[in-house]
Structures are given as structure tokens and as C-alpha cells.
N, C-alpha and C. Protein backbone atom coordinates (compact mmCIF):
# COMPACT_ATOMS: atom_id res chain seq x y z
N MET A 1 7.28 36.03 -19.01
CA MET A 1 6.68 34.92 -19.72
C MET A 1 6.72 33.67 -18.85
N VAL A 2 5.62 33.00 -18.74
CA VAL A 2 5.53 31.77 -17.98
C VAL A 2 6.11 30.63 -18.81
N ASN A 3 7.00 29.86 -18.23
CA ASN A 3 7.62 28.73 -18.91
C ASN A 3 7.14 27.46 -18.21
N LEU A 4 6.25 26.73 -18.83
CA LEU A 4 5.65 25.56 -18.22
C LEU A 4 6.06 24.29 -18.94
N ILE A 5 6.33 23.25 -18.18
CA ILE A 5 6.64 21.92 -18.72
C ILE A 5 7.71 22.01 -19.80
N GLY A 6 8.70 22.84 -19.55
CA GLY A 6 9.82 22.94 -20.47
C GLY A 6 9.52 23.66 -21.77
N GLY A 7 8.32 24.21 -21.91
CA GLY A 7 7.96 24.89 -23.16
C GLY A 7 7.33 26.23 -22.89
N SER A 8 7.00 26.91 -23.94
CA SER A 8 6.44 28.24 -23.85
C SER A 8 5.03 28.24 -24.42
N PHE A 9 4.17 29.08 -23.87
CA PHE A 9 2.82 29.22 -24.39
C PHE A 9 2.68 30.44 -25.30
N LYS A 10 3.81 31.05 -25.65
CA LYS A 10 3.78 32.25 -26.50
C LYS A 10 3.01 31.94 -27.78
N GLY A 11 1.98 32.73 -28.04
CA GLY A 11 1.17 32.57 -29.24
C GLY A 11 0.02 31.60 -29.12
N ALA A 12 -0.01 30.78 -28.07
CA ALA A 12 -1.08 29.77 -27.95
C ALA A 12 -2.45 30.41 -27.77
N PHE A 13 -2.48 31.61 -27.20
CA PHE A 13 -3.74 32.30 -26.92
C PHE A 13 -3.81 33.61 -27.69
N GLY A 14 -3.24 33.66 -28.84
CA GLY A 14 -3.17 34.89 -29.62
C GLY A 14 -1.84 35.59 -29.37
N PRO A 15 -1.67 36.75 -30.01
CA PRO A 15 -0.36 37.40 -29.95
C PRO A 15 -0.02 38.08 -28.62
N THR A 16 -1.02 38.39 -27.78
CA THR A 16 -0.73 39.19 -26.59
C THR A 16 -1.09 38.53 -25.26
N ILE A 17 -1.78 37.41 -25.27
CA ILE A 17 -2.23 36.79 -24.02
C ILE A 17 -1.27 35.68 -23.62
N GLU A 18 -0.84 35.72 -22.36
CA GLU A 18 0.03 34.69 -21.80
C GLU A 18 -0.57 34.24 -20.47
N PRO A 19 -0.29 32.98 -20.07
CA PRO A 19 -0.81 32.50 -18.78
C PRO A 19 -0.29 33.36 -17.62
N MET A 20 -1.09 33.43 -16.57
CA MET A 20 -0.69 34.12 -15.35
C MET A 20 -0.74 33.12 -14.20
N ASP A 21 -0.17 33.50 -13.09
CA ASP A 21 -0.23 32.64 -11.93
C ASP A 21 -0.80 33.42 -10.75
N PHE A 22 -1.26 32.68 -9.76
CA PHE A 22 -1.66 33.26 -8.49
C PHE A 22 -0.46 33.12 -7.55
N ASP A 23 -0.17 34.14 -6.78
CA ASP A 23 0.93 34.04 -5.82
C ASP A 23 0.55 33.18 -4.63
N GLY A 24 -0.72 33.10 -4.34
CA GLY A 24 -1.20 32.24 -3.27
C GLY A 24 -2.71 32.12 -3.35
N VAL A 25 -3.23 30.95 -2.99
CA VAL A 25 -4.68 30.73 -2.98
C VAL A 25 -5.03 29.88 -1.77
N VAL A 26 -6.08 30.29 -1.06
CA VAL A 26 -6.62 29.51 0.04
C VAL A 26 -8.09 29.25 -0.29
N GLU A 27 -8.51 28.00 -0.14
CA GLU A 27 -9.92 27.65 -0.32
C GLU A 27 -10.46 27.20 1.02
N ARG A 28 -11.61 27.74 1.38
CA ARG A 28 -12.26 27.34 2.63
C ARG A 28 -13.75 27.21 2.40
N CYS A 29 -14.25 25.99 2.44
CA CYS A 29 -15.69 25.72 2.33
C CYS A 29 -16.30 26.33 1.08
N GLY A 30 -15.55 26.31 -0.03
CA GLY A 30 -16.06 26.83 -1.29
C GLY A 30 -15.77 28.30 -1.53
N TRP A 31 -15.12 28.97 -0.59
CA TRP A 31 -14.71 30.38 -0.73
C TRP A 31 -13.22 30.41 -1.07
N PHE A 32 -12.80 31.38 -1.88
CA PHE A 32 -11.41 31.45 -2.33
C PHE A 32 -10.80 32.81 -1.98
N LEU A 33 -9.60 32.76 -1.44
CA LEU A 33 -8.83 33.97 -1.15
C LEU A 33 -7.55 33.88 -1.96
N VAL A 34 -7.37 34.83 -2.87
CA VAL A 34 -6.22 34.85 -3.77
C VAL A 34 -5.29 35.99 -3.35
N PHE A 35 -4.00 35.71 -3.32
CA PHE A 35 -3.00 36.73 -3.02
C PHE A 35 -2.26 37.10 -4.29
N GLU A 36 -2.19 38.38 -4.56
CA GLU A 36 -1.35 38.91 -5.63
C GLU A 36 -0.34 39.82 -4.98
N THR A 37 0.93 39.46 -5.06
CA THR A 37 1.97 40.24 -4.41
C THR A 37 2.86 40.90 -5.45
N LYS A 38 3.25 42.10 -5.15
CA LYS A 38 4.14 42.86 -6.03
C LYS A 38 5.16 43.60 -5.17
N ASN A 39 6.33 43.82 -5.73
CA ASN A 39 7.30 44.68 -5.06
C ASN A 39 6.78 46.11 -5.06
N PRO A 40 7.19 46.92 -4.09
CA PRO A 40 6.71 48.32 -4.05
C PRO A 40 6.93 49.03 -5.39
N GLY A 41 5.89 49.72 -5.84
CA GLY A 41 5.98 50.48 -7.09
C GLY A 41 5.69 49.69 -8.35
N VAL A 42 5.56 48.36 -8.25
CA VAL A 42 5.29 47.53 -9.43
C VAL A 42 3.77 47.44 -9.63
N VAL A 43 3.36 47.68 -10.85
CA VAL A 43 1.94 47.67 -11.19
C VAL A 43 1.55 46.30 -11.74
N ILE A 44 0.36 45.84 -11.41
CA ILE A 44 -0.16 44.60 -11.98
C ILE A 44 -0.38 44.82 -13.48
N PRO A 45 0.13 43.93 -14.34
CA PRO A 45 -0.12 44.07 -15.77
C PRO A 45 -1.62 44.08 -16.06
N ARG A 46 -2.02 44.82 -17.07
CA ARG A 46 -3.43 45.03 -17.39
C ARG A 46 -4.20 43.71 -17.54
N GLY A 47 -3.67 42.77 -18.27
CA GLY A 47 -4.37 41.51 -18.47
C GLY A 47 -4.58 40.75 -17.17
N GLN A 48 -3.57 40.75 -16.32
CA GLN A 48 -3.69 40.08 -15.03
C GLN A 48 -4.70 40.79 -14.14
N GLN A 49 -4.69 42.11 -14.17
CA GLN A 49 -5.66 42.88 -13.38
C GLN A 49 -7.07 42.57 -13.84
N LEU A 50 -7.29 42.54 -15.15
CA LEU A 50 -8.63 42.21 -15.67
C LEU A 50 -9.07 40.82 -15.21
N ALA A 51 -8.16 39.85 -15.28
CA ALA A 51 -8.51 38.49 -14.87
C ALA A 51 -8.90 38.44 -13.39
N LEU A 52 -8.15 39.13 -12.55
CA LEU A 52 -8.46 39.15 -11.11
C LEU A 52 -9.76 39.89 -10.84
N GLU A 53 -9.98 41.00 -11.53
CA GLU A 53 -11.23 41.75 -11.35
C GLU A 53 -12.43 40.92 -11.79
N ARG A 54 -12.27 40.14 -12.84
CA ARG A 54 -13.36 39.29 -13.31
C ARG A 54 -13.59 38.11 -12.37
N ALA A 55 -12.53 37.61 -11.76
CA ALA A 55 -12.68 36.50 -10.80
C ALA A 55 -13.55 36.93 -9.63
N VAL A 56 -13.35 38.14 -9.12
CA VAL A 56 -14.11 38.57 -7.94
C VAL A 56 -15.55 38.93 -8.25
N LEU A 57 -15.92 38.94 -9.52
CA LEU A 57 -17.34 39.11 -9.85
C LEU A 57 -18.15 37.93 -9.31
N ASP A 58 -17.49 36.79 -9.17
CA ASP A 58 -18.09 35.63 -8.49
C ASP A 58 -17.89 35.86 -6.99
N ARG A 59 -18.94 35.98 -6.24
CA ARG A 59 -18.86 36.37 -4.83
C ARG A 59 -18.04 35.42 -3.97
N ARG A 60 -17.73 34.24 -4.49
CA ARG A 60 -16.91 33.29 -3.73
C ARG A 60 -15.43 33.66 -3.72
N TRP A 61 -15.04 34.60 -4.57
CA TRP A 61 -13.63 34.95 -4.73
C TRP A 61 -13.32 36.31 -4.13
N THR A 62 -12.19 36.38 -3.40
CA THR A 62 -11.65 37.62 -2.86
C THR A 62 -10.18 37.68 -3.24
N VAL A 63 -9.71 38.85 -3.62
CA VAL A 63 -8.30 39.03 -3.96
C VAL A 63 -7.68 40.00 -2.97
N ILE A 64 -6.50 39.66 -2.49
CA ILE A 64 -5.70 40.58 -1.69
C ILE A 64 -4.47 40.94 -2.50
N LYS A 65 -4.28 42.23 -2.71
CA LYS A 65 -3.06 42.73 -3.36
C LYS A 65 -2.21 43.37 -2.28
N CYS A 66 -0.96 42.88 -2.17
CA CYS A 66 -0.08 43.39 -1.12
C CYS A 66 1.37 43.31 -1.57
N ALA A 67 2.25 43.85 -0.74
CA ALA A 67 3.69 43.80 -1.01
C ALA A 67 4.18 42.36 -0.93
N LYS A 68 5.22 42.06 -1.68
CA LYS A 68 5.80 40.71 -1.70
C LYS A 68 6.43 40.30 -0.38
N LYS A 69 7.11 41.22 0.28
CA LYS A 69 7.83 40.90 1.51
C LYS A 69 7.12 41.51 2.72
N ALA A 70 7.11 40.75 3.81
CA ALA A 70 6.40 41.20 5.02
C ALA A 70 6.87 42.57 5.48
N GLU A 71 8.16 42.83 5.41
CA GLU A 71 8.68 44.12 5.90
C GLU A 71 8.25 45.30 5.05
N HIS A 72 7.73 45.05 3.85
CA HIS A 72 7.26 46.13 2.98
C HIS A 72 5.76 46.37 3.09
N ILE A 73 5.05 45.54 3.83
CA ILE A 73 3.59 45.69 3.92
C ILE A 73 3.26 46.87 4.84
N LEU A 74 2.68 47.89 4.24
CA LEU A 74 2.17 49.06 4.96
C LEU A 74 0.66 49.18 4.78
N ASP A 75 0.17 48.52 3.74
CA ASP A 75 -1.25 48.50 3.43
C ASP A 75 -1.50 47.33 2.48
N TRP A 76 -2.76 47.05 2.24
CA TRP A 76 -3.14 46.04 1.26
C TRP A 76 -4.52 46.38 0.75
N GLU A 77 -4.82 45.89 -0.45
CA GLU A 77 -6.14 46.06 -1.06
C GLU A 77 -6.89 44.75 -0.98
N VAL A 78 -8.18 44.86 -0.69
CA VAL A 78 -9.07 43.70 -0.72
C VAL A 78 -10.08 43.95 -1.82
N TRP A 79 -10.09 43.06 -2.80
CA TRP A 79 -11.01 43.15 -3.93
C TRP A 79 -12.12 42.12 -3.76
N THR A 80 -13.34 42.60 -3.81
CA THR A 80 -14.51 41.72 -3.82
C THR A 80 -15.42 42.22 -4.93
N ALA A 81 -16.51 41.53 -5.14
CA ALA A 81 -17.43 41.91 -6.22
C ALA A 81 -17.85 43.37 -6.05
N GLY A 82 -17.44 44.20 -6.98
CA GLY A 82 -17.89 45.57 -6.99
C GLY A 82 -17.13 46.54 -6.10
N GLU A 83 -16.11 46.09 -5.37
CA GLU A 83 -15.40 47.08 -4.54
C GLU A 83 -13.96 46.67 -4.28
N LYS A 84 -13.15 47.70 -4.09
CA LYS A 84 -11.75 47.54 -3.68
C LYS A 84 -11.56 48.43 -2.46
N VAL A 85 -11.14 47.82 -1.36
CA VAL A 85 -10.97 48.54 -0.11
C VAL A 85 -9.50 48.47 0.29
N VAL A 86 -8.94 49.62 0.68
CA VAL A 86 -7.56 49.67 1.14
C VAL A 86 -7.56 49.61 2.67
N TYR A 87 -6.76 48.72 3.20
CA TYR A 87 -6.55 48.60 4.64
C TYR A 87 -5.12 49.02 4.94
N PHE A 88 -4.94 49.73 6.03
CA PHE A 88 -3.61 50.17 6.43
C PHE A 88 -3.15 49.36 7.62
N GLY A 89 -1.92 48.89 7.55
CA GLY A 89 -1.36 48.10 8.63
C GLY A 89 -0.14 47.35 8.14
N ASN A 90 0.42 46.54 9.02
CA ASN A 90 1.62 45.79 8.68
C ASN A 90 1.27 44.32 8.41
N ALA A 91 2.30 43.49 8.26
CA ALA A 91 2.09 42.08 7.95
C ALA A 91 1.28 41.37 9.04
N GLU A 92 1.49 41.75 10.28
CA GLU A 92 0.74 41.14 11.37
C GLU A 92 -0.74 41.49 11.27
N ASP A 93 -1.04 42.74 10.91
CA ASP A 93 -2.43 43.15 10.73
C ASP A 93 -3.07 42.38 9.58
N LEU A 94 -2.33 42.17 8.51
CA LEU A 94 -2.84 41.38 7.38
C LEU A 94 -3.10 39.94 7.83
N TRP A 95 -2.21 39.39 8.64
CA TRP A 95 -2.40 38.04 9.18
C TRP A 95 -3.73 37.96 9.92
N TYR A 96 -4.01 38.94 10.77
CA TYR A 96 -5.27 38.95 11.53
C TYR A 96 -6.47 39.10 10.61
N TRP A 97 -6.33 39.92 9.55
CA TRP A 97 -7.42 40.07 8.58
C TRP A 97 -7.72 38.71 7.95
N CYS A 98 -6.66 38.01 7.54
CA CYS A 98 -6.83 36.70 6.91
C CYS A 98 -7.43 35.69 7.89
N ASN A 99 -7.03 35.75 9.13
CA ASN A 99 -7.57 34.86 10.15
C ASN A 99 -9.06 35.10 10.34
N ARG A 100 -9.49 36.36 10.32
CA ARG A 100 -10.93 36.68 10.43
C ARG A 100 -11.69 36.19 9.20
N TRP A 101 -11.07 36.35 8.01
CA TRP A 101 -11.69 35.85 6.77
C TRP A 101 -11.93 34.35 6.90
N TYR A 102 -10.91 33.63 7.35
CA TYR A 102 -10.98 32.18 7.50
C TYR A 102 -12.10 31.79 8.47
N ALA A 103 -12.15 32.45 9.60
CA ALA A 103 -13.19 32.15 10.60
C ALA A 103 -14.58 32.43 10.05
N CYS A 104 -14.73 33.54 9.35
CA CYS A 104 -16.02 33.91 8.77
C CYS A 104 -16.46 32.88 7.73
N LYS A 105 -15.57 32.52 6.84
CA LYS A 105 -15.93 31.57 5.78
C LYS A 105 -16.15 30.17 6.32
N SER A 106 -15.52 29.85 7.44
CA SER A 106 -15.72 28.54 8.06
C SER A 106 -17.16 28.40 8.56
N ARG A 107 -17.79 29.53 8.88
CA ARG A 107 -19.17 29.52 9.35
C ARG A 107 -20.18 29.67 8.22
N GLN A 108 -19.70 29.89 6.98
CA GLN A 108 -20.59 30.08 5.82
C GLN A 108 -20.25 29.08 4.71
N PRO A 109 -20.31 27.80 4.98
CA PRO A 109 -19.90 26.85 3.94
C PRO A 109 -20.82 26.88 2.72
N LEU A 110 -20.19 26.85 1.56
CA LEU A 110 -20.93 26.75 0.30
C LEU A 110 -20.99 25.31 -0.17
N VAL A 111 -20.11 24.48 0.38
CA VAL A 111 -20.08 23.07 -0.06
C VAL A 111 -20.42 22.15 1.10
């Protein structure tokens, strides 16, 4: 449960919906890269997964799902509109993927 400003949002959005957070967000020229990190074996809760899947329906949004700690990164998922692609590699490989994303989006400004 998210505890914001010293209070709880339990029940504010009905009996089952609670606020979620992004583990990391980068914006570049109107493009957004969201990181969702989980410990190995932990599944994204259904509501959070739906929210992230709906976000990437807007082509400006990309989600990366990966392990929380660099030493646990063996692969990562990249979610874009209509597809989820698994990449295999370590934290350094993910760094290079993100660097290429940044360079690409820097050349395609939306704003």
C-alpha cells in the first residue's frame, strides 16, 4: 500500500485500486522510458501491469521491466505499443540499450 503525505488512499478509488509508482522515468524530447524493477521471481501485480500496458499504447512511452539489482540482471523486457521483446544480457548491456534509446529519441523530438 502506498502511503502518501502521511495518509492512505485505501478506498479512494474503490475497494481494490491503489496508487502505483514508477521505479524510474526518463523523458527525452517528449519520449518516455519507464523502469519497472522487481526482485527475481516477483510478478508485477495485475493492476500495475494493466496500467503499464495501457501506457505503452501511446507510442511515446516505453517500459523496461528488469531485476531490481544490477547483479541480478540477466535479461530485461522492453514493452512498446503492441509488443514485448526480451533482451538477454547484463546490467552493462542494459545501460548500452538505454544509451541507444536516448540517442535515438534525441534525434526524434516530439516537442
